Amino acid sequence: MKAFRLRQEMNGIEEPPGKTWFWELQAGVIDAGRCIQCGTCIAACPSNSIGIDEDTNLPELVKMCTGCSLCWDFCPRGGLRYEALWPPSTIGAETADGPVAAEGAVVRADAADTYWKITGGPPGDGLGAVIDSYAVRAGNRPDGAQDGGVVTALLIAALAGGEIDGALVTGPSDDPDEPWKGVAHLATTAKEITDAAGSYYNQTMALAELDLSRYDLPPKPRIAVVGTPCEIQGIRAMQSRRWPTGAHRIDAVVLTIALLCTKSFDYRGLMLQLLAEDRSIDIDRVSKVDVIRGRMIVEYRDGEVAVDEPVKNFHGAALKGCDECADFLGRSADLSVGSVGSMDGWSSVLVRSERGRRALDNARGRLDFRELDTPEALFRLDAFDKRIAFDSLRRSFDPDAPLFIDYAQHVADYEGTDRAPVVLDR
């Protein structure tokens, strides 16, 4: 890396010691096909030197790089050791007899200790730090809501109660050439939150939208962020290390909601290629896209099911960097929400912090609660996600090494059960 070509061409000037440049992130993550499009590098840059390439939707350098290293340090596929962000578990690992409490576990507080690792130790065991867990649904679900409509209800309650000034959510693109493409934006009204209900299966470079300068907000805004676990990882890491972050207001984030996630997709590859072109789906007529019980379901507005296939048929459009992630459960968030573990029409909610508990309590009048239907499904899918990540890490050192996990066979085994992998839930 230190002999990277672009730096050799920088006017022959000798490199200062200790520098890490954007070009190293570009070579090691972006050009290597490992970028997960979270936007952390853009939000972390103190000189606002990183933007989004309009053609590729990937990070690009838009002005002089200062070599501060922060884009690399906080990238979940670069220098960030994201599992060090996971609070110690309050629920232990699954055994042959089912999930057990992690009694007697010695929990170290030093995140630099080798104790903190993906493959072992209480911080990585079980469901993570969980104060409470429920199956929840909104009493009044908006049209287009995914599963229980819980996230929409939570955000509207927080906005109405004055707890937040807006929420970073994903809504539909207003570009007619990008049907069913999710884009990140800040919703500041109940209607804007409701209009963003439902799931989109592409990443959005969401954290780049934390430049709040174009929104009418108080001088010290309070923002909720709804995102994938990798996006929450970036936020939590940046909040743990204070420094001037340029235009992006990481300090404004007061509530994080992670959507349970095992994979996200490239928009063009999934919606335009595999659906519109290969399967002749009229994207403009689509009312809902869902991945549940191991199947990709696409419905038209008239109720016709346009696609009902195993999700493995669409893995060619998945982001390759997702294979490296062992954080299906969003362990760094205040709340984790998804469909795995609950019956149809309900959402599983894991309360991970006091801020998360307050947000859920504020919305109780809008929600119905019950116990999780199949909590063991969360344990099983989380364990599988870790094995995939470990496999990916091992093969990064030895590309010819045999896979420990046959993902396609795993999905086939889980089809028709309530333990099937789910890609992205709300």
Protein backbone atom coordinates (compact mmCIF):
# COMPACT_ATOMS: atom_id res chain seq x y z
CA MET A 1 0.00 0.00 0.00
CA LYS A 2 2.78 2.45 0.86
CA ALA A 3 3.98 2.35 -2.74
CA PHE A 4 0.54 3.12 -4.13
CA ARG A 5 0.92 4.60 -7.59
CA LEU A 6 -1.02 7.82 -7.10
CA ARG A 7 1.13 8.90 -4.19
CA GLN A 8 4.29 8.24 -6.17
CA GLU A 9 3.03 10.77 -8.70
CA MET A 10 2.45 13.55 -6.14
CA ASN A 11 5.11 15.93 -7.45
CA GLY A 12 7.92 13.83 -6.07
CA ILE A 13 7.25 15.07 -2.53
CA GLU A 14 8.27 12.65 0.21
CA GLU A 15 5.35 11.37 2.23
CA PRO A 16 5.11 12.55 5.86
CA PRO A 17 5.25 9.68 8.37
CA GLY A 18 2.04 8.13 9.70
CA LYS A 19 -0.23 9.17 6.85
CA THR A 20 -3.09 7.06 5.51
CA TRP A 21 -4.75 8.43 2.39
CA PHE A 22 -8.18 8.00 0.82
CA TRP A 23 -6.43 6.18 -2.02
CA GLU A 24 -5.66 3.32 0.35
CA LEU A 25 -9.34 3.03 1.21
CA GLN A 26 -10.10 3.14 -2.50
CA ALA A 27 -7.63 0.38 -3.31
CA GLY A 28 -8.37 -1.87 -0.34
CA VAL A 29 -12.15 -1.50 -0.13
CA ILE A 30 -13.81 0.33 -3.04
CA ASP A 31 -11.83 -0.99 -6.00
CA ALA A 32 -11.67 -4.41 -4.30
CA GLY A 33 -15.47 -4.65 -4.44
CA ARG A 34 -15.84 -4.71 -0.65
CA CYS A 35 -17.59 -1.35 -0.14
CA ILE A 36 -20.95 -1.74 1.64
CA GLN A 37 -22.12 1.80 0.75
CA CYS A 38 -22.76 2.93 4.33
CA GLY A 39 -21.32 6.44 3.88
CA THR A 40 -19.16 6.30 7.01
CA CYS A 41 -16.05 7.53 5.18
CA ILE A 42 -17.93 10.60 3.92
CA ALA A 43 -19.28 11.44 7.37
CA ALA A 44 -15.89 10.91 9.01
CA CYS A 45 -13.87 13.19 6.71
CA PRO A 46 -13.08 16.42 8.60
CA SER A 47 -12.27 18.33 5.39
CA ASN A 48 -15.39 17.23 3.45
CA SER A 49 -13.09 15.78 0.80
CA ILE A 50 -15.14 12.66 0.01
CA GLY A 51 -18.33 12.63 -2.03
CA ILE A 52 -20.45 10.15 -3.99
CA ASP A 53 -19.73 9.16 -7.59
CA GLU A 54 -23.01 9.70 -9.48
CA ASP A 55 -22.35 6.79 -11.83
CA THR A 56 -21.26 4.13 -9.34
CA ASN A 57 -22.88 5.43 -6.11
CA LEU A 58 -19.55 4.72 -4.42
CA PRO A 59 -17.29 7.08 -2.43
CA GLU A 60 -14.93 9.24 -4.44
CA LEU A 61 -12.39 11.95 -3.67
CA VAL A 62 -13.83 15.37 -4.59
CA LYS A 63 -11.01 17.56 -3.29
CA MET A 64 -7.57 17.31 -1.71
CA CYS A 65 -7.02 14.43 0.70
CA THR A 66 -5.09 15.46 3.84
CA GLY A 67 -4.06 11.92 4.80
CA CYS A 68 -5.76 12.12 8.22
CA SER A 69 -6.64 8.37 8.05
CA LEU A 70 -10.17 8.79 9.47
CA CYS A 71 -11.95 7.40 6.39
CA TRP A 72 -9.89 4.23 6.79
CA ASP A 73 -10.09 4.12 10.59
CA PHE A 74 -13.89 4.16 10.69
CA CYS A 75 -14.71 2.12 7.59
CA PRO A 76 -16.41 -1.16 8.66
CA ARG A 77 -14.46 -2.90 5.88
CA GLY A 78 -11.27 -0.94 6.50
CA GLY A 79 -9.66 -0.23 9.84
CA LEU A 80 -12.74 -0.36 12.09
CA ARG A 81 -12.79 -3.32 14.43
CA TYR A 82 -16.54 -3.11 14.75
CA GLU A 83 -17.01 -5.98 17.18
CA ALA A 84 -15.17 -3.89 19.78
CA LEU A 85 -18.25 -1.66 19.77
CA TRP A 86 -20.50 -4.47 20.99
CA PRO A 87 -21.53 -4.06 24.65
CA PRO A 88 -21.11 -7.17 26.82
CA SER A 89 -23.89 -9.71 26.34
CA THR A 90 -26.74 -9.98 28.78
CA ILE A 91 -27.90 -13.25 27.20
CA GLY A 92 -25.56 -16.17 26.68
CA ALA A 93 -24.90 -18.39 23.71
CA GLU A 94 -27.23 -21.09 22.49
CA THR A 95 -26.50 -24.58 23.77
CA ALA A 96 -27.94 -27.95 22.86
CA ASP A 97 -30.72 -27.18 25.34
CA GLY A 98 -31.42 -23.71 23.94
CA PRO A 99 -30.30 -20.16 24.87
CA VAL A 100 -28.81 -19.71 28.35
CA ALA A 101 -27.78 -16.76 30.48
CA ALA A 102 -24.06 -15.98 30.50
CA GLU A 103 -23.72 -16.47 34.25
CA GLY A 104 -20.21 -16.32 35.67
CA ALA A 105 -18.78 -14.77 32.53
CA VAL A 106 -15.85 -12.42 33.13
CA VAL A 107 -16.47 -9.28 31.07
CA ARG A 108 -13.52 -6.99 30.43
CA ALA A 109 -14.18 -3.35 29.69
CA ASP A 110 -11.12 -2.78 27.49
CA ALA A 111 -12.24 -2.96 23.87
CA ALA A 112 -8.62 -3.32 22.73
CA ASP A 113 -8.32 -6.62 24.60
CA THR A 114 -8.17 -9.73 22.42
CA TYR A 115 -11.12 -10.94 24.46
CA TRP A 116 -13.31 -8.82 22.19
CA LYS A 117 -13.56 -10.84 19.01
CA ILE A 118 -16.12 -12.14 16.56
CA THR A 119 -15.46 -15.81 17.20
CA GLY A 120 -15.76 -15.93 20.98
CA GLY A 121 -16.20 -14.21 24.36
CA PRO A 122 -19.41 -12.96 25.98
CA PRO A 123 -19.44 -9.65 24.03
CA GLY A 124 -20.05 -11.70 20.87
CA ASP A 125 -22.27 -14.39 22.34
CA GLY A 126 -26.03 -14.72 22.35
CA LEU A 127 -28.12 -11.79 21.19
CA GLY A 128 -25.77 -9.17 22.60
CA ALA A 129 -26.75 -6.56 25.20
CA VAL A 130 -30.52 -6.96 25.54
CA ILE A 131 -32.57 -5.19 28.22
CA ASP A 132 -35.93 -6.41 26.90
CA SER A 133 -37.21 -8.28 23.87
CA TYR A 134 -40.72 -8.35 22.40
CA ALA A 135 -42.82 -9.13 19.39
CA VAL A 136 -44.47 -5.81 18.52
CA ARG A 137 -46.88 -4.41 15.95
CA ALA A 138 -48.33 -0.97 15.38
CA GLY A 139 -52.02 -0.57 16.20
CA ASN A 140 -52.46 1.56 13.08
CA ARG A 141 -50.10 0.34 10.38
CA PRO A 142 -49.49 2.72 7.47
CA ASP A 143 -49.86 1.52 3.90
CA GLY A 144 -46.62 -0.07 2.72
CA ALA A 145 -45.37 -0.83 6.23
CA GLN A 146 -43.05 -3.82 6.49
CA ASP A 147 -43.96 -6.49 9.04
CA GLY A 148 -45.35 -4.80 12.18
CA GLY A 149 -44.85 -1.16 11.17
CA VAL A 150 -43.00 -0.64 14.45
CA VAL A 151 -40.22 1.70 13.28
CA THR A 152 -42.69 4.13 11.73
CA ALA A 153 -44.74 4.23 14.94
CA LEU A 154 -41.62 4.71 17.09
CA LEU A 155 -40.35 7.61 15.01
CA ILE A 156 -43.72 9.39 14.86
CA ALA A 157 -44.09 9.07 18.63
CA ALA A 158 -40.57 10.42 19.21
CA LEU A 159 -41.22 13.35 16.88
CA ALA A 160 -44.60 14.13 18.45
CA GLY A 161 -43.09 13.94 21.96
CA GLY A 162 -40.32 16.39 21.09
CA GLU A 163 -37.62 13.75 21.60
CA ILE A 164 -36.24 14.18 18.07
CA ASP A 165 -36.31 16.89 15.40
CA GLY A 166 -36.09 14.46 12.51
CA ALA A 167 -35.22 10.93 11.45
CA LEU A 168 -32.75 9.71 8.85
CA VAL A 169 -34.75 7.13 6.90
CA THR A 170 -34.85 5.51 3.47
CA GLY A 171 -37.59 6.50 1.07
CA PRO A 172 -38.29 6.14 -2.65
CA SER A 173 -36.22 8.05 -5.17
CA ASP A 174 -38.08 10.81 -6.98
CA ASP A 175 -36.12 10.10 -10.17
CA PRO A 176 -38.49 8.40 -12.66
CA ASP A 177 -35.53 6.48 -14.08
CA GLU A 178 -34.90 4.85 -10.67
CA PRO A 179 -38.14 3.05 -9.76
CA TRP A 180 -38.00 1.30 -6.38
CA LYS A 181 -34.61 2.71 -5.51
CA GLY A 182 -34.25 3.66 -1.86
CA VAL A 183 -32.55 6.96 -1.07
CA ALA A 184 -31.58 8.37 2.31
CA HIS A 185 -33.22 11.58 3.49
CA LEU A 186 -34.10 13.36 6.71
CA ALA A 187 -37.81 13.17 7.53
CA THR A 188 -38.96 16.05 9.74
CA THR A 189 -42.74 15.51 9.71
CA ALA A 190 -45.03 12.60 10.53
CA LYS A 191 -46.13 12.46 6.88
CA GLU A 192 -42.53 12.20 5.65
CA ILE A 193 -41.89 9.39 8.12
CA THR A 194 -45.06 7.57 7.02
CA ASP A 195 -44.16 8.01 3.35
CA ALA A 196 -40.86 6.21 4.05
CA ALA A 197 -42.57 3.13 5.53
CA GLY A 198 -41.44 -0.18 4.07
CA SER A 199 -38.09 -1.65 3.08
CA TYR A 200 -35.74 -1.02 0.19
CA TYR A 201 -33.10 -3.60 -0.53
CA ASN A 202 -30.27 -1.37 -1.72
CA GLN A 203 -27.75 0.52 0.39
CA THR A 204 -28.01 4.31 0.24
CA MET A 205 -24.73 5.86 1.50
CA ALA A 206 -26.99 6.98 4.34
CA LEU A 207 -24.42 8.61 6.63
CA ALA A 208 -23.50 11.08 3.89
CA GLU A 209 -26.96 12.58 4.54
CA LEU A 210 -25.89 13.67 8.03
CA ASP A 211 -24.78 16.94 6.47
CA LEU A 212 -27.85 18.72 7.90
CA SER A 213 -27.07 22.17 6.50
CA ARG A 214 -29.89 22.05 3.92
CA TYR A 215 -32.57 21.23 6.49
CA ASP A 216 -34.47 23.71 8.67
CA LEU A 217 -33.46 22.44 12.10
CA PRO A 218 -32.67 23.92 15.54
CA PRO A 219 -29.06 24.93 16.26
CA LYS A 220 -28.58 21.71 18.27
CA PRO A 221 -30.68 19.18 16.37
CA ARG A 222 -31.59 15.72 17.68
CA ILE A 223 -31.77 13.03 15.02
CA ALA A 224 -32.83 9.39 14.98
CA VAL A 225 -31.13 7.13 12.45
CA VAL A 226 -32.73 4.00 11.01
CA GLY A 227 -30.15 1.90 9.21
CA THR A 228 -28.37 -1.36 8.65
CA PRO A 229 -26.00 -2.64 11.34
CA CYS A 230 -22.94 -1.41 9.43
CA GLU A 231 -24.31 2.13 9.36
CA ILE A 232 -24.92 2.02 13.11
CA GLN A 233 -21.38 0.68 13.59
CA GLY A 234 -19.98 3.75 11.85
CA ILE A 235 -22.09 6.13 13.95
CA ARG A 236 -21.21 4.46 17.23
CA ALA A 237 -17.48 4.44 16.42
CA MET A 238 -17.44 8.11 15.45
CA GLN A 239 -19.40 9.10 18.56
CA SER A 240 -16.85 7.25 20.68
CA ARG A 241 -14.02 9.42 19.37
CA ARG A 242 -14.79 13.14 19.36
CA TRP A 243 -13.17 15.42 16.80
CA PRO A 244 -14.38 18.05 14.29
CA THR A 245 -16.29 16.03 11.67
CA GLY A 246 -16.68 18.61 8.97
CA ALA A 247 -20.24 19.19 7.78
CA HIS A 248 -21.65 15.91 9.06
CA ARG A 249 -23.42 16.12 12.43
CA ILE A 250 -22.65 12.80 14.10
CA ASP A 251 -23.19 14.59 17.42
CA ALA A 252 -26.85 15.15 16.49
CA VAL A 253 -27.69 11.43 16.51
CA VAL A 254 -29.54 10.63 19.74
CA LEU A 255 -31.31 7.38 18.78
CA THR A 256 -30.20 4.51 16.54
CA ILE A 257 -32.47 1.76 15.21
CA ALA A 258 -30.80 -1.15 13.43
CA LEU A 259 -32.72 -3.22 10.90
CA LEU A 260 -31.86 -6.91 11.10
CA CYS A 261 -29.76 -7.62 8.03
CA THR A 262 -27.73 -10.42 6.49
CA LYS A 263 -27.25 -8.94 3.01
CA SER A 264 -28.00 -5.85 0.97
CA PHE A 265 -28.13 -5.57 -2.81
CA ASP A 266 -26.84 -3.42 -5.62
CA TYR A 267 -29.83 -1.48 -6.97
CA ARG A 268 -29.03 -1.90 -10.64
CA GLY A 269 -28.16 -5.56 -10.24
CA LEU A 270 -31.34 -6.49 -8.35
CA MET A 271 -34.13 -4.20 -9.52
CA LEU A 272 -33.07 -3.36 -13.07
CA GLN A 273 -31.19 -6.50 -14.12
CA LEU A 274 -32.55 -9.53 -12.25
CA LEU A 275 -36.13 -8.28 -11.88
CA ALA A 276 -36.91 -5.83 -14.68
CA GLU A 277 -34.73 -7.26 -17.46
CA ASP A 278 -34.34 -10.96 -16.68
CA ARG A 279 -37.87 -11.54 -15.34
CA SER A 280 -39.77 -8.80 -17.23
CA ILE A 281 -41.13 -7.30 -14.00
CA ASP A 282 -42.88 -3.95 -14.44
CA ILE A 283 -41.09 -2.10 -11.64
CA ASP A 284 -43.48 0.86 -11.87
CA ARG A 285 -46.37 -1.40 -10.84
CA VAL A 286 -44.61 -2.93 -7.82
CA SER A 287 -46.18 -2.21 -4.42
CA LYS A 288 -43.94 -4.28 -2.16
CA VAL A 289 -40.63 -6.14 -2.17
CA ASP A 290 -39.95 -8.54 0.69
CA VAL A 291 -37.45 -11.22 1.59
CA ILE A 292 -38.94 -13.64 4.09
CA ARG A 293 -38.56 -17.33 4.90
CA GLY A 294 -35.75 -17.61 2.37
CA ARG A 295 -37.81 -16.27 -0.55
CA MET A 296 -37.87 -13.08 -2.58
CA ILE A 297 -41.48 -11.87 -2.87
CA VAL A 298 -42.50 -9.05 -5.24
CA GLU A 299 -46.12 -7.90 -5.35
CA TYR A 300 -47.97 -5.61 -7.74
CA ARG A 301 -50.43 -2.94 -6.58
CA ASP A 302 -53.38 -5.07 -7.71
CA GLY A 303 -52.30 -7.87 -5.36
CA GLU A 304 -50.73 -10.10 -8.01
CA VAL A 305 -47.55 -11.85 -6.86
CA ALA A 306 -45.03 -11.07 -9.58
CA VAL A 307 -42.07 -12.97 -8.09
CA ASP A 308 -41.90 -15.75 -5.51
CA GLU A 309 -38.49 -17.42 -5.72
CA PRO A 310 -35.71 -18.61 -3.42
CA VAL A 311 -33.56 -15.63 -2.43
CA LYS A 312 -30.48 -17.59 -3.47
CA ASN A 313 -31.52 -16.88 -7.09
CA PHE A 314 -30.67 -13.22 -6.47
CA HIS A 315 -27.34 -13.51 -4.68
CA GLY A 316 -25.50 -12.39 -7.81
CA ALA A 317 -26.71 -8.85 -7.07
CA ALA A 318 -25.74 -8.89 -3.37
CA LEU A 319 -22.96 -6.63 -2.10
CA LYS A 320 -19.89 -8.80 -1.67
CA GLY A 321 -18.71 -6.91 1.40
CA CYS A 322 -21.79 -8.10 3.28
CA ASP A 323 -20.26 -11.57 3.54
CA GLU A 324 -17.65 -10.16 5.91
CA CYS A 325 -20.21 -8.90 8.44
CA ALA A 326 -21.04 -10.84 11.61
CA ASP A 327 -23.51 -8.24 12.91
CA PHE A 328 -26.89 -9.45 11.66
CA LEU A 329 -28.43 -8.26 14.96
CA GLY A 330 -27.26 -4.63 15.04
CA ARG A 331 -25.50 -5.02 18.39
CA SER A 332 -24.32 -1.38 18.57
CA ALA A 333 -27.81 0.13 18.22
CA ASP A 334 -30.27 1.38 20.82
CA LEU A 335 -32.99 -0.80 19.26
CA SER A 336 -32.80 -3.72 16.82
CA VAL A 337 -35.92 -4.46 14.76
CA GLY A 338 -36.77 -7.16 12.21
CA SER A 339 -39.13 -9.99 11.36
CA VAL A 340 -37.00 -12.98 12.41
CA GLY A 341 -38.35 -14.48 15.61
CA SER A 342 -41.93 -13.22 15.23
CA MET A 343 -45.03 -14.38 13.39
CA ASP A 344 -46.26 -12.67 10.21
CA GLY A 345 -47.44 -9.10 10.76
CA TRP A 346 -45.26 -8.61 13.85
CA SER A 347 -41.71 -7.33 14.37
CA SER A 348 -39.07 -8.60 16.77
CA VAL A 349 -37.70 -5.74 18.90
CA LEU A 350 -34.50 -6.02 20.95
CA VAL A 351 -34.07 -3.15 23.43
CA ARG A 352 -30.33 -2.60 23.87
CA SER A 353 -30.02 0.68 25.80
CA GLU A 354 -31.91 3.01 28.10
CA ARG A 355 -32.39 5.39 25.17
CA GLY A 356 -33.98 2.55 23.27
CA ARG A 357 -36.21 1.70 26.22
CA ARG A 358 -37.41 5.32 26.50
CA ALA A 359 -38.19 5.46 22.79
CA LEU A 360 -40.24 2.27 23.00
CA ASP A 361 -42.04 3.43 26.17
CA ASN A 362 -42.95 6.73 24.50
CA ALA A 363 -44.67 4.78 21.71
CA ARG A 364 -46.48 2.21 23.87
CA GLY A 365 -49.88 3.76 23.24
CA ARG A 366 -49.41 3.11 19.52
CA LEU A 367 -48.17 -0.49 19.82
CA ASP A 368 -49.27 -4.02 20.72
CA PHE A 369 -46.80 -6.26 22.60
CA ARG A 370 -46.33 -9.99 23.07
CA GLU A 371 -43.48 -12.39 23.73
CA LEU A 372 -41.19 -13.35 20.87
CA ASP A 373 -42.65 -16.34 19.05
CA THR A 374 -39.39 -18.09 18.12
CA PRO A 375 -36.40 -16.39 19.79
CA GLU A 376 -34.25 -19.40 18.90
CA ALA A 377 -34.48 -18.29 15.25
CA LEU A 378 -32.47 -15.18 16.15
CA PHE A 379 -29.76 -17.27 17.82
CA ARG A 380 -29.51 -19.66 14.89
CA LEU A 381 -29.35 -17.01 12.20
CA ASP A 382 -26.85 -14.95 14.19
CA ALA A 383 -24.60 -18.00 14.63
CA PHE A 384 -24.82 -18.71 10.92
CA ASP A 385 -23.99 -15.09 10.07
CA LYS A 386 -20.83 -15.29 12.18
CA ARG A 387 -19.74 -18.46 10.40
CA ILE A 388 -20.22 -16.77 7.02
CA ALA A 389 -18.09 -13.82 8.21
CA PHE A 390 -15.40 -16.14 9.54
CA ASP A 391 -15.41 -18.05 6.24
CA SER A 392 -15.03 -14.79 4.33
CA LEU A 393 -12.15 -13.67 6.54
CA ARG A 394 -10.38 -17.01 6.19
CA ARG A 395 -10.75 -17.00 2.42
CA SER A 396 -9.37 -13.45 2.20
CA PHE A 397 -6.03 -14.98 3.30
CA ASP A 398 -6.44 -18.16 1.25
CA PRO A 399 -8.84 -17.70 -1.73
CA ASP A 400 -8.56 -21.39 -2.59
CA ALA A 401 -9.61 -22.59 0.86
CA PRO A 402 -12.80 -24.68 0.84
CA LEU A 403 -15.93 -23.04 2.21
CA PHE A 404 -17.07 -24.21 5.62
CA ILE A 405 -20.62 -23.05 4.85
CA ASP A 406 -22.69 -23.75 1.73
CA TYR A 407 -24.97 -20.71 1.82
CA ALA A 408 -27.23 -21.84 -1.01
CA GLN A 409 -27.80 -25.17 0.72
CA HIS A 410 -28.43 -23.38 4.00
CA VAL A 411 -31.17 -21.28 2.42
CA ALA A 412 -32.69 -24.35 0.81
CA ASP A 413 -32.71 -26.11 4.18
CA TYR A 414 -34.45 -23.17 5.84
CA GLU A 415 -37.11 -22.53 3.18
CA GLY A 416 -40.61 -22.83 4.52
CA THR A 417 -39.56 -22.37 8.14
CA ASP A 418 -39.65 -19.36 10.43
CA ARG A 419 -35.84 -19.54 10.74
CA ALA A 420 -35.10 -18.50 7.17
CA PRO A 421 -32.54 -15.78 6.43
CA VAL A 422 -34.01 -12.32 5.99
CA VAL A 423 -32.05 -9.73 4.08
CA LEU A 424 -33.35 -6.42 5.36
CA ASP A 425 -36.38 -5.82 7.53
CA ARG A 426 -38.34 -2.89 8.82
